[in-house]
Amino acid sequence: MVTLGTGVGGGIIHNGKIIPGANGAGGEIGHITVNTEEKDTCGCGRHGCLEQYASATGIVRMAKKLLAEKDAESSLRGFEPLTAKDIFDEAKKGDALALEAGGKFCEATGVAVEILGETLGMALSNIACVVNPQVFVIGGGVSRAGDILIDTVAKHFKEHAFASCKNTKFALASLGNDAGMYGCVQMILD
């Protein structure tokens, strides 16, 4: 399970049970380092965490950097405050700045929505080498972007995945923002 919201959360479920890990940090994927050249500090105090790119906060951070660096016309300039939903909506409409990206880390894709997809897809391909999941379920507020998110992440996952893991499925969480509540209730019942 991957939760994309203000931050990036994760959970590993095996035989219907959550794997908590030795110190309760099992599945804490938001702080996997994905960019050793990142200068901005993550909320955890480190640099280059997955959360800085794949969370709603990270998506807005990247877009604001682009808006500051580029003089290009963009409908994103009209949003105050700017949200991840705004960025995905404008990207779906083809807004060039919503799609464009710059910087050494993203030269390979050149597309802002693709930065999220490539970064998350690559991180999940590494996780797949360790846990070999049947499916990655993606939830949280950012998952409301829908197919543009799932398709982009799955595409980049397949590019980076170990051969035995390439067929891992991707699905949107069906419970939406209520998934956490259902999970808490189930843990209490167990």
Foldseek 3Di string as FASTA:
>chain_A
DWEAELFIFFWDADPNDTDLPPVRCHRRQQADAQDPPAPDADPVRHGRGLRLQQHFVNLLVQLVVLVVVDPDDFPQVVDVVRTSVNLLVRVVVPTPSSFAGDDDVCPVPRTNLLSNLQSLLQSVLVVCVVVVDQEDEYAYPNCVSDPSNQVSNLVNNLVRHDPSNNPRYYHYDPVHPCVVVVVVVVVVVD
